């Protein structure tokens, strides 16, 4: 009689433990731009193709080496909403930078925050301008205008409970870009990216280089260059996850 009672008590606990084990770490990889939105355009390649190439290579590395991780790709509208619905543990958005000066080069990784410099604000405005392609962007994004500097004031008041983890991951990525891919480290920065504002998990936006710089465009447009960038982000992910 008593043994039967004990079994009844233990079974639900054992079952609960099995369910917890089955829960995978969810990584959302966002290839910036795509479809009718090419992103920045270089002399021979488009940003959307660079972003997708690196995103797919990163996802393949994670799936091959971390069976306990579920990879979710997104390249649609409401990217943050897709990550939230997937109950993601981490969100990485991959982009390629561009500048008026062809001499600009190097990698940057952003977390959510106020665009405290004109350069950070320029990058945020360019990346956020993708919402202008949506017919109802003003309603969908609650009046946010990516072209208006005033719209970015709101980010001063946002409290991101995942900020410390996001900055940690961003620092790891920048270290790997320099160490594993031999890229120039332009540092970890903060800016008001909409895609980061709406995510409910640690999140970063990576700028893998400047498509406006001929040497970086050639590197990022190549299979070898994309593999090196993907491997760098992968290494940073492994360090982050082990922590």
C-alpha atoms as a PDB file:
ATOM      1  CA  UNK A   1       0.000   0.000   0.000  1.00  0.00           C
ATOM      2  CA  UNK A   2       2.670   2.461   1.042  1.00  0.00           C
ATOM      3  CA  UNK A   3       4.947   1.582  -1.872  1.00  0.00           C
ATOM      4  CA  UNK A   4       2.064   2.297  -4.246  1.00  0.00           C
ATOM      5  CA  UNK A   5       1.582   5.739  -2.676  1.00  0.00           C
ATOM      6  CA  UNK A   6       5.289   6.537  -2.991  1.00  0.00           C
ATOM      7  CA  UNK A   7       5.275   5.560  -6.664  1.00  0.00           C
ATOM      8  CA  UNK A   8       2.316   7.825  -7.291  1.00  0.00           C
ATOM      9  CA  UNK A   9       4.202  10.722  -5.699  1.00  0.00           C
ATOM     10  CA  UNK A  10       7.474  10.067  -7.515  1.00  0.00           C
ATOM     11  CA  UNK A  11       6.096   9.499 -11.014  1.00  0.00           C
ATOM     12  CA  UNK A  12       4.856  13.079 -11.570  1.00  0.00           C
ATOM     13  CA  UNK A  13       8.230  14.410 -10.397  1.00  0.00           C
ATOM     14  CA  UNK A  14      10.111  12.033 -12.692  1.00  0.00           C
ATOM     15  CA  UNK A  15       7.848  12.947 -15.589  1.00  0.00           C
ATOM     16  CA  UNK A  16       8.394  16.639 -14.894  1.00  0.00           C
ATOM     17  CA  UNK A  17      12.153  16.098 -14.943  1.00  0.00           C
ATOM     18  CA  UNK A  18      11.976  14.404 -18.328  1.00  0.00           C
ATOM     19  CA  UNK A  19       9.994  17.300 -19.761  1.00  0.00           C
ATOM     20  CA  UNK A  20      12.551  19.788 -18.464  1.00  0.00           C
ATOM     21  CA  UNK A  21      15.321  17.786 -20.146  1.00  0.00           C
ATOM     22  CA  UNK A  22      13.497  17.911 -23.465  1.00  0.00           C
ATOM     23  CA  UNK A  23      13.320  21.695 -23.413  1.00  0.00           C
ATOM     24  CA  UNK A  24      15.928  22.953 -25.868  1.00  0.00           C
ATOM     25  CA  UNK A  25      17.842  26.203 -25.853  1.00  0.00           C
ATOM     26  CA  UNK A  26      16.236  28.276 -28.632  1.00  0.00           C
ATOM     27  CA  UNK A  27      18.458  30.447 -30.809  1.00  0.00           C
ATOM     28  CA  UNK A  28      16.807  32.783 -33.319  1.00  0.00           C
ATOM     29  CA  UNK A  29      19.041  33.853 -36.205  1.00  0.00           C
ATOM     30  CA  UNK A  30      17.752  36.804 -38.187  1.00  0.00           C
ATOM     31  CA  UNK A  31      19.221  37.480 -41.639  1.00  0.00           C
ATOM     32  CA  UNK A  32      18.667  41.206 -41.982  1.00  0.00           C
ATOM     33  CA  UNK A  33      16.631  42.549 -44.927  1.00  0.00           C
ATOM     34  CA  UNK A  34      15.590  40.159 -47.709  1.00  0.00           C
ATOM     35  CA  UNK A  35      12.926  39.854 -50.388  1.00  0.00           C
ATOM     36  CA  UNK A  36      12.139  43.183 -52.021  1.00  0.00           C
ATOM     37  CA  UNK A  37      14.388  44.895 -49.467  1.00  0.00           C
ATOM     38  CA  UNK A  38      18.014  44.418 -50.603  1.00  0.00           C
ATOM     39  CA  UNK A  39      19.525  46.385 -47.744  1.00  0.00           C
ATOM     40  CA  UNK A  40      22.752  48.194 -48.620  1.00  0.00           C
ATOM     41  CA  UNK A  41      23.990  47.651 -52.163  1.00  0.00           C
ATOM     42  CA  UNK A  42      27.666  47.244 -52.975  1.00  0.00           C
ATOM     43  CA  UNK A  43      29.496  47.297 -56.279  1.00  0.00           C
ATOM     44  CA  UNK A  44      28.802  43.614 -56.921  1.00  0.00           C
ATOM     45  CA  UNK A  45      26.766  42.143 -54.039  1.00  0.00           C
ATOM     46  CA  UNK A  46      23.702  43.059 -52.008  1.00  0.00           C
ATOM     47  CA  UNK A  47      23.581  43.150 -48.239  1.00  0.00           C
ATOM     48  CA  UNK A  48      20.660  40.710 -48.029  1.00  0.00           C
ATOM     49  CA  UNK A  49      22.747  37.976 -49.712  1.00  0.00           C
ATOM     50  CA  UNK A  50      25.697  38.456 -47.368  1.00  0.00           C
ATOM     51  CA  UNK A  51      23.431  38.391 -44.320  1.00  0.00           C
ATOM     52  CA  UNK A  52      21.636  35.235 -45.451  1.00  0.00           C
ATOM     53  CA  UNK A  53      24.863  33.424 -46.301  1.00  0.00           C
ATOM     54  CA  UNK A  54      26.356  34.077 -42.864  1.00  0.00           C
ATOM     55  CA  UNK A  55      23.069  33.291 -41.072  1.00  0.00           C
ATOM     56  CA  UNK A  56      22.709  29.890 -42.746  1.00  0.00           C
ATOM     57  CA  UNK A  57      26.338  28.969 -42.107  1.00  0.00           C
ATOM     58  CA  UNK A  58      26.002  29.988 -38.466  1.00  0.00           C
ATOM     59  CA  UNK A  59      22.838  27.931 -38.064  1.00  0.00           C
ATOM     60  CA  UNK A  60      24.470  24.885 -39.654  1.00  0.00           C
ATOM     61  CA  UNK A  61      27.409  25.088 -37.237  1.00  0.00           C
ATOM     62  CA  UNK A  62      25.095  25.308 -34.238  1.00  0.00           C
ATOM     63  CA  UNK A  63      22.931  22.401 -35.387  1.00  0.00           C
ATOM     64  CA  UNK A  64      25.962  20.213 -36.098  1.00  0.00           C
ATOM     65  CA  UNK A  65      27.620  20.850 -32.743  1.00  0.00           C
ATOM     66  CA  UNK A  66      24.807  21.546 -30.283  1.00  0.00           C
ATOM     67  CA  UNK A  67      21.998  18.958 -30.479  1.00  0.00           C
ATOM     68  CA  UNK A  68      20.473  20.606 -27.403  1.00  0.00           C
ATOM     69  CA  UNK A  69      19.863  23.839 -29.338  1.00  0.00           C
ATOM     70  CA  UNK A  70      16.895  24.556 -31.585  1.00  0.00           C
ATOM     71  CA  UNK A  71      17.676  27.038 -34.367  1.00  0.00           C
ATOM     72  CA  UNK A  72      14.884  29.252 -35.681  1.00  0.00           C
ATOM     73  CA  UNK A  73      15.483  31.409 -38.747  1.00  0.00           C
ATOM     74  CA  UNK A  74      13.508  34.552 -39.461  1.00  0.00           C
ATOM     75  CA  UNK A  75      13.499  36.911 -42.391  1.00  0.00           C
ATOM     76  CA  UNK A  76       9.916  38.121 -42.356  1.00  0.00           C
ATOM     77  CA  UNK A  77       7.974  41.032 -40.909  1.00  0.00           C
ATOM     78  CA  UNK A  78       7.607  41.047 -37.140  1.00  0.00           C
ATOM     79  CA  UNK A  79      10.945  39.317 -36.627  1.00  0.00           C
ATOM     80  CA  UNK A  80      10.917  40.082 -32.908  1.00  0.00           C
ATOM     81  CA  UNK A  81       7.400  38.686 -32.582  1.00  0.00           C
ATOM     82  CA  UNK A  82       8.540  35.417 -34.171  1.00  0.00           C
ATOM     83  CA  UNK A  83      11.372  35.201 -31.640  1.00  0.00           C
ATOM     84  CA  UNK A  84       8.990  35.911 -28.773  1.00  0.00           C
ATOM     85  CA  UNK A  85       6.511  33.266 -29.935  1.00  0.00           C
ATOM     86  CA  UNK A  86       9.354  30.741 -30.171  1.00  0.00           C
ATOM     87  CA  UNK A  87      10.249  31.566 -26.548  1.00  0.00           C
ATOM     88  CA  UNK A  88      13.794  32.169 -27.711  1.00  0.00           C
ATOM     89  CA  UNK A  89      16.701  32.257 -25.294  1.00  0.00           C
ATOM     90  CA  UNK A  90      18.831  34.354 -27.629  1.00  0.00           C
ATOM     91  CA  UNK A  91      18.326  36.542 -30.706  1.00  0.00           C
ATOM     92  CA  UNK A  92      21.098  37.405 -33.189  1.00  0.00           C
ATOM     93  CA  UNK A  93      20.357  39.735 -36.102  1.00  0.00           C
ATOM     94  CA  UNK A  94      22.985  39.827 -38.862  1.00  0.00           C
ATOM     95  CA  UNK A  95      23.540  42.929 -41.004  1.00  0.00           C
ATOM     96  CA  UNK A  96      26.160  44.541 -43.226  1.00  0.00           C
ATOM     97  CA  UNK A  97      27.066  48.186 -42.787  1.00  0.00           C
ATOM     98  CA  UNK A  98      27.480  50.963 -45.344  1.00  0.00           C
ATOM     99  CA  UNK A  99      28.877  54.480 -45.231  1.00  0.00           C
ATOM    100  CA  UNK A 100      29.348  57.472 -47.506  1.00  0.00           C
ATOM    101  CA  UNK A 101      33.104  57.128 -47.106  1.00  0.00           C
ATOM    102  CA  UNK A 102      34.582  54.150 -48.940  1.00  0.00           C
ATOM    103  CA  UNK A 103      37.402  54.009 -46.413  1.00  0.00           C
ATOM    104  CA  UNK A 104      35.139  53.007 -43.495  1.00  0.00           C
ATOM    105  CA  UNK A 105      35.745  49.416 -42.382  1.00  0.00           C
ATOM    106  CA  UNK A 106      35.440  47.051 -39.435  1.00  0.00           C
ATOM    107  CA  UNK A 107      32.854  45.171 -37.400  1.00  0.00           C
ATOM    108  CA  UNK A 108      30.448  46.431 -34.744  1.00  0.00           C
ATOM    109  CA  UNK A 109      27.928  44.663 -32.523  1.00  0.00           C
ATOM    110  CA  UNK A 110      24.977  46.588 -31.119  1.00  0.00           C
ATOM    111  CA  UNK A 111      22.729  46.174 -28.125  1.00  0.00           C
ATOM    112  CA  UNK A 112      19.586  48.184 -27.460  1.00  0.00           C
ATOM    113  CA  UNK A 113      20.120  51.704 -26.177  1.00  0.00           C
ATOM    114  CA  UNK A 114      20.155  55.360 -27.043  1.00  0.00           C
ATOM    115  CA  UNK A 115      22.123  56.264 -30.176  1.00  0.00           C
ATOM    116  CA  UNK A 116      24.573  58.460 -28.307  1.00  0.00           C
ATOM    117  CA  UNK A 117      26.627  59.476 -31.325  1.00  0.00           C
ATOM    118  CA  UNK A 118      25.680  60.708 -34.776  1.00  0.00           C
ATOM    119  CA  UNK A 119      27.263  57.602 -36.305  1.00  0.00           C
ATOM    120  CA  UNK A 120      25.229  55.221 -34.124  1.00  0.00           C
ATOM    121  CA  UNK A 121      22.071  57.185 -34.951  1.00  0.00           C
ATOM    122  CA  UNK A 122      22.856  56.991 -38.678  1.00  0.00           C
ATOM    123  CA  UNK A 123      23.204  53.207 -38.510  1.00  0.00           C
ATOM    124  CA  UNK A 124      19.971  52.836 -36.517  1.00  0.00           C
ATOM    125  CA  UNK A 125      18.030  55.057 -38.935  1.00  0.00           C
ATOM    126  CA  UNK A 126      19.284  53.102 -41.943  1.00  0.00           C
ATOM    127  CA  UNK A 127      18.460  49.687 -40.475  1.00  0.00           C
ATOM    128  CA  UNK A 128      15.072  50.795 -39.103  1.00  0.00           C
ATOM    129  CA  UNK A 129      14.042  52.368 -42.423  1.00  0.00           C
ATOM    130  CA  UNK A 130      13.009  48.902 -43.640  1.00  0.00           C
ATOM    131  CA  UNK A 131       9.627  49.445 -41.935  1.00  0.00           C
ATOM    132  CA  UNK A 132       8.859  52.194 -44.447  1.00  0.00           C
ATOM    133  CA  UNK A 133       8.233  49.407 -46.975  1.00  0.00           C
ATOM    134  CA  UNK A 134       5.211  48.352 -44.927  1.00  0.00           C
ATOM    135  CA  UNK A 135       1.927  50.059 -45.802  1.00  0.00           C
ATOM    136  CA  UNK A 136       0.752  50.436 -42.215  1.00  0.00           C
ATOM    137  CA  UNK A 137       4.093  51.070 -40.526  1.00  0.00           C
ATOM    138  CA  UNK A 138       2.884  54.107 -38.544  1.00  0.00           C
ATOM    139  CA  UNK A 139       0.058  52.109 -36.933  1.00  0.00           C
ATOM    140  CA  UNK A 140       2.042  48.896 -36.554  1.00  0.00           C
ATOM    141  CA  UNK A 141       4.943  50.642 -34.832  1.00  0.00           C
ATOM    142  CA  UNK A 142       2.841  53.027 -32.731  1.00  0.00           C
ATOM    143  CA  UNK A 143       3.795  56.200 -34.547  1.00  0.00           C
ATOM    144  CA  UNK A 144       7.534  55.488 -34.591  1.00  0.00           C
ATOM    145  CA  UNK A 145       9.194  57.263 -37.536  1.00  0.00           C
ATOM    146  CA  UNK A 146      12.662  55.844 -38.330  1.00  0.00           C
ATOM    147  CA  UNK A 147      13.594  59.094 -40.101  1.00  0.00           C
ATOM    148  CA  UNK A 148      12.939  61.286 -37.064  1.00  0.00           C
ATOM    149  CA  UNK A 149      15.647  61.875 -34.465  1.00  0.00           C
ATOM    150  CA  UNK A 150      12.941  62.646 -31.908  1.00  0.00           C
ATOM    151  CA  UNK A 151      11.553  59.121 -32.225  1.00  0.00           C
ATOM    152  CA  UNK A 152      14.766  57.752 -30.725  1.00  0.00           C
ATOM    153  CA  UNK A 153      14.400  59.673 -27.480  1.00  0.00           C
ATOM    154  CA  UNK A 154      12.136  56.853 -26.218  1.00  0.00           C
ATOM    155  CA  UNK A 155      15.102  54.513 -25.995  1.00  0.00           C
ATOM    156  CA  UNK A 156      16.556  56.621 -23.178  1.00  0.00           C
ATOM    157  CA  UNK A 157      13.694  55.421 -20.993  1.00  0.00           C
ATOM    158  CA  UNK A 158      13.598  51.757 -21.938  1.00  0.00           C
ATOM    159  CA  UNK A 159      14.858  49.414 -19.237  1.00  0.00           C
ATOM    160  CA  UNK A 160      16.266  46.233 -20.766  1.00  0.00           C
ATOM    161  CA  UNK A 161      16.480  43.485 -18.144  1.00  0.00           C
ATOM    162  CA  UNK A 162      18.630  41.493 -20.566  1.00  0.00           C
ATOM    163  CA  UNK A 163      21.165  44.278 -21.123  1.00  0.00           C
ATOM    164  CA  UNK A 164      24.032  42.674 -19.218  1.00  0.00           C
ATOM    165  CA  UNK A 165      23.715  39.380 -21.105  1.00  0.00           C
ATOM    166  CA  UNK A 166      23.362  41.202 -24.430  1.00  0.00           C
ATOM    167  CA  UNK A 167      26.499  43.256 -23.821  1.00  0.00           C
ATOM    168  CA  UNK A 168      28.365  40.107 -22.755  1.00  0.00           C
ATOM    169  CA  UNK A 169      27.455  38.332 -26.000  1.00  0.00           C
ATOM    170  CA  UNK A 170      28.285  41.423 -28.070  1.00  0.00           C
ATOM    171  CA  UNK A 171      31.732  41.608 -26.467  1.00  0.00           C
ATOM    172  CA  UNK A 172      32.365  37.921 -27.153  1.00  0.00           C
ATOM    173  CA  UNK A 173      31.378  38.364 -30.809  1.00  0.00           C
ATOM    174  CA  UNK A 174      33.679  41.337 -31.298  1.00  0.00           C
ATOM    175  CA  UNK A 175      36.562  39.451 -29.685  1.00  0.00           C
ATOM    176  CA  UNK A 176      36.026  36.501 -32.029  1.00  0.00           C
ATOM    177  CA  UNK A 177      35.783  38.703 -35.128  1.00  0.00           C
ATOM    178  CA  UNK A 178      39.250  40.014 -34.329  1.00  0.00           C
ATOM    179  CA  UNK A 179      40.760  36.725 -33.154  1.00  0.00           C
ATOM    180  CA  UNK A 180      39.194  34.194 -35.533  1.00  0.00           C
ATOM    181  CA  UNK A 181      38.483  36.225 -38.666  1.00  0.00           C
ATOM    182  CA  UNK A 182      41.176  38.902 -38.476  1.00  0.00           C
ATOM    183  CA  UNK A 183      38.665  41.749 -38.700  1.00  0.00           C
ATOM    184  CA  UNK A 184      38.976  45.254 -37.291  1.00  0.00           C
ATOM    185  CA  UNK A 185      37.099  45.654 -34.008  1.00  0.00           C
ATOM    186  CA  UNK A 186      35.040  48.857 -33.898  1.00  0.00           C
ATOM    187  CA  UNK A 187      33.593  47.886 -30.532  1.00  0.00           C
ATOM    188  CA  UNK A 188      30.298  47.206 -28.801  1.00  0.00           C
ATOM    189  CA  UNK A 189      27.759  49.978 -29.297  1.00  0.00           C
ATOM    190  CA  UNK A 190      24.220  50.916 -28.360  1.00  0.00           C
ATOM    191  CA  UNK A 191      21.486  52.245 -30.634  1.00  0.00           C
ATOM    192  CA  UNK A 192      17.713  52.263 -30.962  1.00  0.00           C
ATOM    193  CA  UNK A 193      17.033  49.304 -33.214  1.00  0.00           C
ATOM    194  CA  UNK A 194      13.358  48.391 -33.394  1.00  0.00           C
ATOM    195  CA  UNK A 195      14.100  44.693 -33.817  1.00  0.00           C
ATOM    196  CA  UNK A 196      15.997  44.709 -30.496  1.00  0.00           C
ATOM    197  CA  UNK A 197      13.469  46.904 -28.720  1.00  0.00           C
ATOM    198  CA  UNK A 198      10.685  44.342 -29.153  1.00  0.00           C
ATOM    199  CA  UNK A 199      12.531  41.144 -28.284  1.00  0.00           C
ATOM    200  CA  UNK A 200      11.944  39.529 -24.886  1.00  0.00           C
ATOM    201  CA  UNK A 201      15.349  37.878 -24.576  1.00  0.00           C
ATOM    202  CA  UNK A 202      19.061  38.816 -24.763  1.00  0.00           C
ATOM    203  CA  UNK A 203      19.606  40.143 -28.262  1.00  0.00           C
ATOM    204  CA  UNK A 204      22.269  41.727 -30.446  1.00  0.00           C
ATOM    205  CA  UNK A 205      22.513  43.203 -33.918  1.00  0.00           C
ATOM    206  CA  UNK A 206      25.777  42.438 -35.692  1.00  0.00           C
ATOM    207  CA  UNK A 207      27.266  44.619 -38.435  1.00  0.00           C
ATOM    208  CA  UNK A 208      29.758  42.261 -40.092  1.00  0.00           C
ATOM    209  CA  UNK A 209      31.572  44.922 -42.121  1.00  0.00           C
ATOM    210  CA  UNK A 210      31.153  47.675 -44.698  1.00  0.00           C
ATOM    211  CA  UNK A 211      29.777  46.795 -48.094  1.00  0.00           C
ATOM    212  CA  UNK A 212      30.818  50.290 -49.208  1.00  0.00           C
ATOM    213  CA  UNK A 213      34.473  49.302 -48.703  1.00  0.00           C
ATOM    214  CA  UNK A 214      35.748  47.340 -51.731  1.00  0.00           C
ATOM    215  CA  UNK A 215      38.048  45.040 -49.730  1.00  0.00           C
ATOM    216  CA  UNK A 216      35.371  44.197 -47.162  1.00  0.00           C
ATOM    217  CA  UNK A 217      32.736  43.711 -49.844  1.00  0.00           C
ATOM    218  CA  UNK A 218      34.975  41.173 -51.583  1.00  0.00           C
ATOM    219  CA  UNK A 219      35.646  39.370 -48.299  1.00  0.00           C
ATOM    220  CA  UNK A 220      32.015  39.300 -47.149  1.00  0.00           C
ATOM    221  CA  UNK A 221      30.759  38.319 -50.594  1.00  0.00           C
ATOM    222  CA  UNK A 222      33.002  35.243 -50.676  1.00  0.00           C
ATOM    223  CA  UNK A 223      32.183  31.808 -49.283  1.00  0.00           C
ATOM    224  CA  UNK A 224      35.401  31.814 -47.273  1.00  0.00           C
ATOM    225  CA  UNK A 225      34.673  35.216 -45.768  1.00  0.00           C
ATOM    226  CA  UNK A 226      31.142  34.237 -44.803  1.00  0.00           C
ATOM    227  CA  UNK A 227      32.396  30.996 -43.249  1.00  0.00           C
ATOM    228  CA  UNK A 228      34.919  32.888 -41.144  1.00  0.00           C
ATOM    229  CA  UNK A 229      32.306  35.379 -39.941  1.00  0.00           C
ATOM    230  CA  UNK A 230      29.836  32.604 -39.153  1.00  0.00           C
ATOM    231  CA  UNK A 231      32.524  30.640 -37.271  1.00  0.00           C
ATOM    232  CA  UNK A 232      33.392  33.744 -35.247  1.00  0.00           C
ATOM    233  CA  UNK A 233      29.770  34.256 -34.174  1.00  0.00           C
ATOM    234  CA  UNK A 234      29.490  30.531 -33.477  1.00  0.00           C
ATOM    235  CA  UNK A 235      32.572  30.589 -31.222  1.00  0.00           C
ATOM    236  CA  UNK A 236      31.102  33.535 -29.321  1.00  0.00           C
ATOM    237  CA  UNK A 237      27.781  31.687 -28.989  1.00  0.00           C
ATOM    238  CA  UNK A 238      29.574  28.656 -27.526  1.00  0.00           C
ATOM    239  CA  UNK A 239      31.346  30.838 -24.964  1.00  0.00           C
ATOM    240  CA  UNK A 240      28.106  32.610 -24.103  1.00  0.00           C
ATOM    241  CA  UNK A 241      26.162  29.389 -23.710  1.00  0.00           C
ATOM    242  CA  UNK A 242      28.822  27.748 -21.522  1.00  0.00           C
ATOM    243  CA  UNK A 243      28.592  30.742 -19.152  1.00  0.00           C
END
